[in-house]
PDB file of N, CA and C in Angstrom:
ATOM      1  N   MET A   1       4.287  16.523   0.587  1.00  0.00           N
ATOM      2  CA  MET A   1       3.115  15.666   1.048  1.00  0.00           C
ATOM      3  C   MET A   1       3.847  14.511   0.055  1.00  0.00           C
ATOM      4  N   THR A   2       4.016  13.092   0.473  1.00  0.00           N
ATOM      5  CA  THR A   2       4.661  12.052   0.068  1.00  0.00           C
ATOM      6  C   THR A   2       3.885  11.846  -0.997  1.00  0.00           C
ATOM      7  N   GLN A   3       4.525  11.118  -2.434  1.00  0.00           N
ATOM      8  CA  GLN A   3       3.674  10.620  -2.836  1.00  0.00           C
ATOM      9  C   GLN A   3       3.272   9.416  -2.925  1.00  0.00           C
ATOM     10  N   LEU A   4       4.166   8.576  -2.569  1.00  0.00           N
ATOM     11  CA  LEU A   4       3.396   7.056  -2.093  1.00  0.00           C
ATOM     12  C   LEU A   4       3.103   7.070  -0.729  1.00  0.00           C
ATOM     13  N   GLU A   5       1.633   6.336  -0.720  1.00  0.00           N
ATOM     14  CA  GLU A   5       1.448   5.898   1.246  1.00  0.00           C
ATOM     15  C   GLU A   5       0.825   4.411   0.567  1.00  0.00           C
ATOM     16  N   LEU A   6       1.418   3.642   1.664  1.00  0.00           N
ATOM     17  CA  LEU A   6       0.636   2.522   1.616  1.00  0.00           C
ATOM     18  C   LEU A   6       0.621   2.213   3.179  1.00  0.00           C
ATOM     19  N   TYR A   7      -0.435   1.669   3.089  1.00  0.00           N
ATOM     20  CA  TYR A   7      -1.460   0.469   4.814  1.00  0.00           C
ATOM     21  C   TYR A   7      -1.402  -0.710   4.475  1.00  0.00           C
ATOM     22  N   GLU A   8      -0.292  -0.945   5.939  1.00  0.00           N
ATOM     23  CA  GLU A   8      -0.494  -2.106   6.313  1.00  0.00           C
ATOM     24  C   GLU A   8      -0.386  -2.200   6.941  1.00  0.00           C
ATOM     25  N   LEU A   9      -0.080  -3.978   7.789  1.00  0.00           N
ATOM     26  CA  LEU A   9      -0.285  -4.249   8.730  1.00  0.00           C
ATOM     27  C   LEU A   9       1.049  -5.035   9.109  1.00  0.00           C
ATOM     28  N   PRO A  10       2.105  -4.949  10.466  1.00  0.00           N
ATOM     29  CA  PRO A  10       3.173  -5.593  10.602  1.00  0.00           C
ATOM     30  C   PRO A  10       3.490  -6.822  10.656  1.00  0.00           C
ATOM     31  N   GLY A  11       4.374  -7.523   9.644  1.00  0.00           N
ATOM     32  CA  GLY A  11       3.677  -9.104  10.132  1.00  0.00           C
ATOM     33  C   GLY A  11       3.020  -9.898   8.434  1.00  0.00           C
ATOM     34  N   CYS A  12       2.441  -9.197   8.225  1.00  0.00           N
ATOM     35  CA  CYS A  12       2.003  -9.434   6.772  1.00  0.00           C
ATOM     36  C   CYS A  12       2.622  -9.739   5.460  1.00  0.00           C
ATOM     37  N   PRO A  13       2.312 -10.766   4.881  1.00  0.00           N
ATOM     38  CA  PRO A  13       3.686 -11.372   4.077  1.00  0.00           C
ATOM     39  C   PRO A  13       2.952 -10.748   3.197  1.00  0.00           C
ATOM     40  N   TYR A  14       1.727 -10.330   2.476  1.00  0.00           N
ATOM     41  CA  TYR A  14       1.820  -9.606   1.381  1.00  0.00           C
ATOM     42  C   TYR A  14       2.287  -7.954   1.262  1.00  0.00           C
ATOM     43  N   CYS A  15       2.146  -7.287   2.404  1.00  0.00           N
ATOM     44  CA  CYS A  15       2.781  -6.053   2.945  1.00  0.00           C
ATOM     45  C   CYS A  15       4.250  -6.225   2.525  1.00  0.00           C
ATOM     46  N   ALA A  16       4.915  -7.337   3.225  1.00  0.00           N
ATOM     47  CA  ALA A  16       6.278  -7.077   2.900  1.00  0.00           C
ATOM     48  C   ALA A  16       6.553  -7.749   1.771  1.00  0.00           C
ATOM     49  N   LYS A  17       6.146  -7.804   0.514  1.00  0.00           N
ATOM     50  CA  LYS A  17       6.378  -8.241  -0.709  1.00  0.00           C
ATOM     51  C   LYS A  17       6.838  -6.741  -1.311  1.00  0.00           C
ATOM     52  N   VAL A  18       5.184  -5.981  -1.164  1.00  0.00           N
ATOM     53  CA  VAL A  18       5.407  -4.612  -1.336  1.00  0.00           C
ATOM     54  C   VAL A  18       6.367  -3.880  -0.982  1.00  0.00           C
ATOM     55  N   LYS A  19       6.415  -3.584   0.620  1.00  0.00           N
ATOM     56  CA  LYS A  19       7.907  -3.473   0.544  1.00  0.00           C
ATOM     57  C   LYS A  19       9.079  -3.540   0.223  1.00  0.00           C
ATOM     58  N   GLN A  20       9.003  -4.888  -0.065  1.00  0.00           N
ATOM     59  CA  GLN A  20      10.637  -5.510  -0.898  1.00  0.00           C
ATOM     60  C   GLN A  20      10.793  -4.541  -1.966  1.00  0.00           C
ATOM     61  N   LYS A  21       9.414  -4.550  -2.494  1.00  0.00           N
ATOM     62  CA  LYS A  21       9.528  -3.911  -4.154  1.00  0.00           C
ATOM     63  C   LYS A  21       9.984  -2.627  -3.790  1.00  0.00           C
ATOM     64  N   LEU A  22       8.948  -1.810  -3.361  1.00  0.00           N
ATOM     65  CA  LEU A  22       9.505  -0.055  -2.787  1.00  0.00           C
ATOM     66  C   LEU A  22      11.094  -0.353  -2.226  1.00  0.00           C
ATOM     67  N   GLY A  23      11.618  -0.910  -1.040  1.00  0.00           N
ATOM     68  CA  GLY A  23      13.109  -0.979  -1.435  1.00  0.00           C
ATOM     69  C   GLY A  23      14.036  -0.890  -2.575  1.00  0.00           C
ATOM     70  N   GLU A  24      13.614  -1.897  -3.532  1.00  0.00           N
ATOM     71  CA  GLU A  24      14.384  -2.569  -4.364  1.00  0.00           C
ATOM     72  C   GLU A  24      14.372  -0.935  -5.680  1.00  0.00           C
ATOM     73  N   LEU A  25      13.255  -0.496  -5.679  1.00  0.00           N
ATOM     74  CA  LEU A  25      13.104   0.745  -6.445  1.00  0.00           C
ATOM     75  C   LEU A  25      13.440   1.609  -5.545  1.00  0.00           C
ATOM     76  N   ASP A  26      13.961   1.638  -4.283  1.00  0.00           N
ATOM     77  CA  ASP A  26      14.480   3.023  -3.771  1.00  0.00           C
ATOM     78  C   ASP A  26      13.351   3.934  -3.622  1.00  0.00           C
ATOM     79  N   LEU A  27      12.400   3.716  -3.715  1.00  0.00           N
ATOM     80  CA  LEU A  27      10.819   4.903  -3.720  1.00  0.00           C
ATOM     81  C   LEU A  27      10.794   4.601  -2.147  1.00  0.00           C
ATOM     82  N   GLU A  28      10.753   6.385  -1.678  1.00  0.00           N
ATOM     83  CA  GLU A  28      10.267   6.430   0.219  1.00  0.00           C
ATOM     84  C   GLU A  28       8.623   7.033  -0.640  1.00  0.00           C
ATOM     85  N   TYR A  29       8.100   6.548   0.725  1.00  0.00           N
ATOM     86  CA  TYR A  29       6.322   6.224   0.943  1.00  0.00           C
ATOM     87  C   TYR A  29       6.088   6.662   2.340  1.00  0.00           C
ATOM     88  N   GLU A  30       5.271   6.489   2.841  1.00  0.00           N
ATOM     89  CA  GLU A  30       4.577   6.911   4.309  1.00  0.00           C
ATOM     90  C   GLU A  30       3.687   5.718   4.478  1.00  0.00           C
ATOM     91  N   SER A  31       4.046   5.175   5.841  1.00  0.00           N
ATOM     92  CA  SER A  31       3.701   4.172   5.590  1.00  0.00           C
ATOM     93  C   SER A  31       2.726   4.497   6.863  1.00  0.00           C
ATOM     94  N   HIS A  32       0.995   3.819   7.167  1.00  0.00           N
ATOM     95  CA  HIS A  32       0.424   3.937   7.551  1.00  0.00           C
ATOM     96  C   HIS A  32      -0.251   2.226   8.378  1.00  0.00           C
ATOM     97  N   GLU A  33       0.052   2.479   9.784  1.00  0.00           N
ATOM     98  CA  GLU A  33       0.115   1.229   9.788  1.00  0.00           C
ATOM     99  C   GLU A  33      -1.260   0.580  10.458  1.00  0.00           C
ATOM    100  N   VAL A  34      -2.745  -0.493   9.786  1.00  0.00           N
ATOM    101  CA  VAL A  34      -3.999  -0.257  10.145  1.00  0.00           C
ATOM    102  C   VAL A  34      -3.940  -1.502  11.237  1.00  0.00           C
ATOM    103  N   PRO A  35      -5.129  -0.849  12.284  1.00  0.00           N
ATOM    104  CA  PRO A  35      -5.609  -2.197  13.453  1.00  0.00           C
ATOM    105  C   PRO A  35      -5.328  -3.579  12.958  1.00  0.00           C
ATOM    106  N   ARG A  36      -5.023  -4.370  14.043  1.00  0.00           N
ATOM    107  CA  ARG A  36      -5.459  -6.082  12.980  1.00  0.00           C
ATOM    108  C   ARG A  36      -6.912  -6.641  13.410  1.00  0.00           C
ATOM    109  N   SER A  37      -7.692  -5.775  14.036  1.00  0.00           N
ATOM    110  CA  SER A  37      -9.166  -6.039  13.769  1.00  0.00           C
ATOM    111  C   SER A  37      -9.670  -5.550  12.525  1.00  0.00           C
ATOM    112  N   HIS A  38     -10.184  -6.186  11.486  1.00  0.00           N
ATOM    113  CA  HIS A  38     -11.090  -5.272  10.569  1.00  0.00           C
ATOM    114  C   HIS A  38     -11.582  -4.216  10.958  1.00  0.00           C
ATOM    115  N   ASP A  39     -12.570  -4.900  11.758  1.00  0.00           N
ATOM    116  CA  ASP A  39     -13.847  -3.778  12.107  1.00  0.00           C
ATOM    117  C   ASP A  39     -13.107  -2.703  12.567  1.00  0.00           C
ATOM    118  N   ASP A  40     -12.060  -2.922  12.855  1.00  0.00           N
ATOM    119  CA  ASP A  40     -11.193  -1.379  13.066  1.00  0.00           C
ATOM    120  C   ASP A  40     -10.893  -0.360  12.293  1.00  0.00           C
ATOM    121  N   ARG A  41     -10.097  -1.436  10.703  1.00  0.00           N
ATOM    122  CA  ARG A  41      -9.980  -0.665   9.812  1.00  0.00           C
ATOM    123  C   ARG A  41     -10.649   0.052   8.816  1.00  0.00           C
ATOM    124  N   THR A  42     -11.301   1.585   9.441  1.00  0.00           N
ATOM    125  CA  THR A  42     -11.725   2.495   9.134  1.00  0.00           C
ATOM    126  C   THR A  42     -11.173   3.426   7.900  1.00  0.00           C
ATOM    127  N   GLU A  43     -10.022   3.608   8.483  1.00  0.00           N
ATOM    128  CA  GLU A  43      -9.278   4.784   7.047  1.00  0.00           C
ATOM    129  C   GLU A  43      -9.051   4.004   6.122  1.00  0.00           C
ATOM    130  N   VAL A  44      -8.496   2.412   6.182  1.00  0.00           N
ATOM    131  CA  VAL A  44      -8.185   1.872   5.257  1.00  0.00           C
ATOM    132  C   VAL A  44      -9.332   1.733   4.087  1.00  0.00           C
ATOM    133  N   GLN A  45     -10.305   1.380   4.940  1.00  0.00           N
ATOM    134  CA  GLN A  45     -11.767   1.271   3.944  1.00  0.00           C
ATOM    135  C   GLN A  45     -12.366   2.247   3.605  1.00  0.00           C
ATOM    136  N   ALA A  46     -11.690   3.380   3.784  1.00  0.00           N
ATOM    137  CA  ALA A  46     -12.632   4.866   3.670  1.00  0.00           C
ATOM    138  C   ALA A  46     -11.676   5.045   1.806  1.00  0.00           C
ATOM    139  N   VAL A  47     -10.420   4.697   2.487  1.00  0.00           N
ATOM    140  CA  VAL A  47      -9.285   4.702   0.723  1.00  0.00           C
ATOM    141  C   VAL A  47     -10.206   3.871  -0.064  1.00  0.00           C
ATOM    142  N   SER A  48     -10.106   2.715   0.057  1.00  0.00           N
ATOM    143  CA  SER A  48     -10.327   1.370  -0.874  1.00  0.00           C
ATOM    144  C   SER A  48     -11.705   0.716  -0.645  1.00  0.00           C
ATOM    145  N   GLY A  49     -12.356   1.038   0.047  1.00  0.00           N
ATOM    146  CA  GLY A  49     -13.690  -0.019  -0.075  1.00  0.00           C
ATOM    147  C   GLY A  49     -13.567  -1.244   0.378  1.00  0.00           C
ATOM    148  N   GLN A  50     -12.112  -1.637   1.020  1.00  0.00           N
ATOM    149  CA  GLN A  50     -11.923  -3.010   1.659  1.00  0.00           C
ATOM    150  C   GLN A  50     -10.923  -2.932   3.141  1.00  0.00           C
ATOM    151  N   THR A  51     -11.082  -3.880   3.438  1.00  0.00           N
ATOM    152  CA  THR A  51     -10.496  -3.791   4.428  1.00  0.00           C
ATOM    153  C   THR A  51      -8.903  -4.659   4.873  1.00  0.00           C
ATOM    154  N   GLY A  52      -8.269  -5.097   4.038  1.00  0.00           N
ATOM    155  CA  GLY A  52      -7.079  -5.622   3.913  1.00  0.00           C
ATOM    156  C   GLY A  52      -6.100  -5.124   3.273  1.00  0.00           C
ATOM    157  N   VAL A  53      -5.045  -5.610   3.655  1.00  0.00           N
ATOM    158  CA  VAL A  53      -3.848  -4.825   3.156  1.00  0.00           C
ATOM    159  C   VAL A  53      -3.053  -5.545   2.509  1.00  0.00           C
ATOM    160  N   PRO A  54      -1.804  -5.358   1.992  1.00  0.00           N
ATOM    161  CA  PRO A  54      -1.295  -3.794   1.885  1.00  0.00           C
ATOM    162  C   PRO A  54      -2.852  -3.166   0.619  1.00  0.00           C
ATOM    163  N   VAL A  55      -2.733  -1.764   1.003  1.00  0.00           N
ATOM    164  CA  VAL A  55      -3.230  -0.798  -0.217  1.00  0.00           C
ATOM    165  C   VAL A  55      -2.047   0.222  -0.419  1.00  0.00           C
ATOM    166  N   LEU A  56      -2.335   0.609  -1.501  1.00  0.00           N
ATOM    167  CA  LEU A  56      -1.418   1.876  -2.127  1.00  0.00           C
ATOM    168  C   LEU A  56      -2.264   2.966  -2.428  1.00  0.00           C
ATOM    169  N   ILE A  57      -1.667   3.875  -2.394  1.00  0.00           N
ATOM    170  CA  ILE A  57      -2.020   5.007  -2.900  1.00  0.00           C
ATOM    171  C   ILE A  57      -0.857   5.788  -3.492  1.00  0.00           C
ATOM    172  N   ASP A  58      -0.764   6.350  -4.648  1.00  0.00           N
ATOM    173  CA  ASP A  58       0.428   7.079  -5.471  1.00  0.00           C
ATOM    174  C   ASP A  58      -0.417   8.496  -5.795  1.00  0.00           C
ATOM    175  N   ASN A  59      -0.600   9.403  -5.127  1.00  0.00           N
ATOM    176  CA  ASN A  59      -0.744  10.904  -5.200  1.00  0.00           C
ATOM    177  C   ASN A  59      -0.211  11.613  -6.866  1.00  0.00           C
ATOM    178  N   GLU A  60       0.864  11.112  -6.898  1.00  0.00           N
ATOM    179  CA  GLU A  60       1.575  11.703  -8.226  1.00  0.00           C
ATOM    180  C   GLU A  60       0.470  11.238  -9.468  1.00  0.00           C
ATOM    181  N   HIS A  61      -0.112   9.874  -9.437  1.00  0.00           N
ATOM    182  CA  HIS A  61      -0.323   9.071 -10.544  1.00  0.00           C
ATOM    183  C   HIS A  61      -1.881   8.727 -10.144  1.00  0.00           C
ATOM    184  N   GLY A  62      -2.689   9.554  -9.593  1.00  0.00           N
ATOM    185  CA  GLY A  62      -3.820   9.624  -9.109  1.00  0.00           C
ATOM    186  C   GLY A  62      -4.329   7.680  -8.776  1.00  0.00           C
ATOM    187  N   VAL A  63      -3.660   7.283  -8.134  1.00  0.00           N
ATOM    188  CA  VAL A  63      -4.094   5.771  -7.828  1.00  0.00           C
ATOM    189  C   VAL A  63      -4.543   6.081  -6.409  1.00  0.00           C
ATOM    190  N   ASP A  64      -5.861   5.913  -5.936  1.00  0.00           N
ATOM    191  CA  ASP A  64      -6.377   6.368  -4.701  1.00  0.00           C
ATOM    192  C   ASP A  64      -6.816   5.096  -3.169  1.00  0.00           C
ATOM    193  N   GLY A  65      -6.229   3.794  -4.018  1.00  0.00           N
ATOM    194  CA  GLY A  65      -6.717   2.856  -2.947  1.00  0.00           C
ATOM    195  C   GLY A  65      -6.383   1.646  -3.716  1.00  0.00           C
ATOM    196  N   MET A  66      -5.278   1.363  -4.083  1.00  0.00           N
ATOM    197  CA  MET A  66      -4.866  -0.132  -4.974  1.00  0.00           C
ATOM    198  C   MET A  66      -4.939  -1.550  -4.081  1.00  0.00           C
ATOM    199  N   PRO A  67      -5.474  -2.186  -3.807  1.00  0.00           N
ATOM    200  CA  PRO A  67      -5.192  -3.272  -3.058  1.00  0.00           C
ATOM    201  C   PRO A  67      -4.633  -4.365  -4.283  1.00  0.00           C
ATOM    202  N   GLU A  68      -4.186  -5.498  -3.102  1.00  0.00           N
ATOM    203  CA  GLU A  68      -3.442  -6.418  -3.752  1.00  0.00           C
ATOM    204  C   GLU A  68      -2.213  -6.321  -3.626  1.00  0.00           C
ATOM    205  N   SER A  69      -1.391  -7.095  -3.732  1.00  0.00           N
ATOM    206  CA  SER A  69      -0.136  -7.111  -3.191  1.00  0.00           C
ATOM    207  C   SER A  69       0.508  -7.263  -4.714  1.00  0.00           C
ATOM    208  N   ASP A  70      -0.017  -8.216  -5.725  1.00  0.00           N
ATOM    209  CA  ASP A  70       0.423  -8.553  -6.422  1.00  0.00           C
ATOM    210  C   ASP A  70       0.166  -7.614  -7.621  1.00  0.00           C
ATOM    211  N   ASP A  71      -0.572  -6.702  -7.531  1.00  0.00           N
ATOM    212  CA  ASP A  71      -1.076  -5.908  -8.504  1.00  0.00           C
ATOM    213  C   ASP A  71      -0.374  -4.662  -8.549  1.00  0.00           C
ATOM    214  N   ILE A  72      -0.336  -4.593  -6.407  1.00  0.00           N
ATOM    215  CA  ILE A  72       0.810  -3.015  -6.927  1.00  0.00           C
ATOM    216  C   ILE A  72       2.488  -2.882  -7.129  1.00  0.00           C
ATOM    217  N   VAL A  73       2.856  -4.698  -6.738  1.00  0.00           N
ATOM    218  CA  VAL A  73       3.968  -5.109  -7.016  1.00  0.00           C
ATOM    219  C   VAL A  73       4.538  -4.675  -8.515  1.00  0.00           C
ATOM    220  N   ALA A  74       2.833  -4.660  -9.896  1.00  0.00           N
ATOM    221  CA  ALA A  74       3.533  -4.996 -10.984  1.00  0.00           C
ATOM    222  C   ALA A  74       3.090  -3.643 -11.222  1.00  0.00           C
ATOM    223  N   TYR A  75       2.485  -2.905 -10.370  1.00  0.00           N
ATOM    224  CA  TYR A  75       1.933  -1.291 -10.545  1.00  0.00           C
ATOM    225  C   TYR A  75       3.634  -0.251 -10.030  1.00  0.00           C
ATOM    226  N   LEU A  76       4.055  -0.889  -9.666  1.00  0.00           N
ATOM    227  CA  LEU A  76       5.285  -0.005  -9.142  1.00  0.00           C
ATOM    228  C   LEU A  76       6.077  -0.383 -10.283  1.00  0.00           C
ATOM    229  N   GLU A  77       6.695  -1.775 -10.641  1.00  0.00           N
ATOM    230  CA  GLU A  77       7.635  -2.080 -11.373  1.00  0.00           C
ATOM    231  C   GLU A  77       7.232  -1.199 -13.181  1.00  0.00           C
ATOM    232  N   GLU A  78       5.954  -0.806 -13.173  1.00  0.00           N
ATOM    233  CA  GLU A  78       5.575  -1.076 -14.587  1.00  0.00           C
ATOM    234  C   GLU A  78       5.939   0.917 -14.470  1.00  0.00           C
ATOM    235  N   THR A  79       5.687   1.596 -13.068  1.00  0.00           N
ATOM    236  CA  THR A  79       5.394   3.025 -12.937  1.00  0.00           C
ATOM    237  C   THR A  79       6.779   3.438 -12.724  1.00  0.00           C
ATOM    238  N   TYR A  80       7.323   2.801 -11.988  1.00  0.00           N
ATOM    239  CA  TYR A  80       8.646   3.251 -11.329  1.00  0.00           C
ATOM    240  C   TYR A  80       9.889   3.072 -11.708  1.00  0.00           C
ATOM    241  N   ALA A  81      10.027   1.582 -12.208  1.00  0.00           N
ATOM    242  CA  ALA A  81      11.352   0.688 -12.802  1.00  0.00           C
ATOM    243  C   ALA A  81      12.123   1.375 -13.849  1.00  0.00           C
TER     244      ALA A  81
END
């Protein structure tokens, strides 16, 4: 199982910021592309309690659905840099 999973939407600037940080840190992750419609984002809502993206899961460190790109980038820096 991949330790990092990212729920994202192509073209989302907040998702791009997180993906850039994942790349800078050379971290492998599994990508889950969510539907454009918030009403259809049941999978990400089940994980994080909301329908916005990006959302990060870190199985190794018990992170079960972290939203907000700035929080995710800070977490990745603190945990993996």
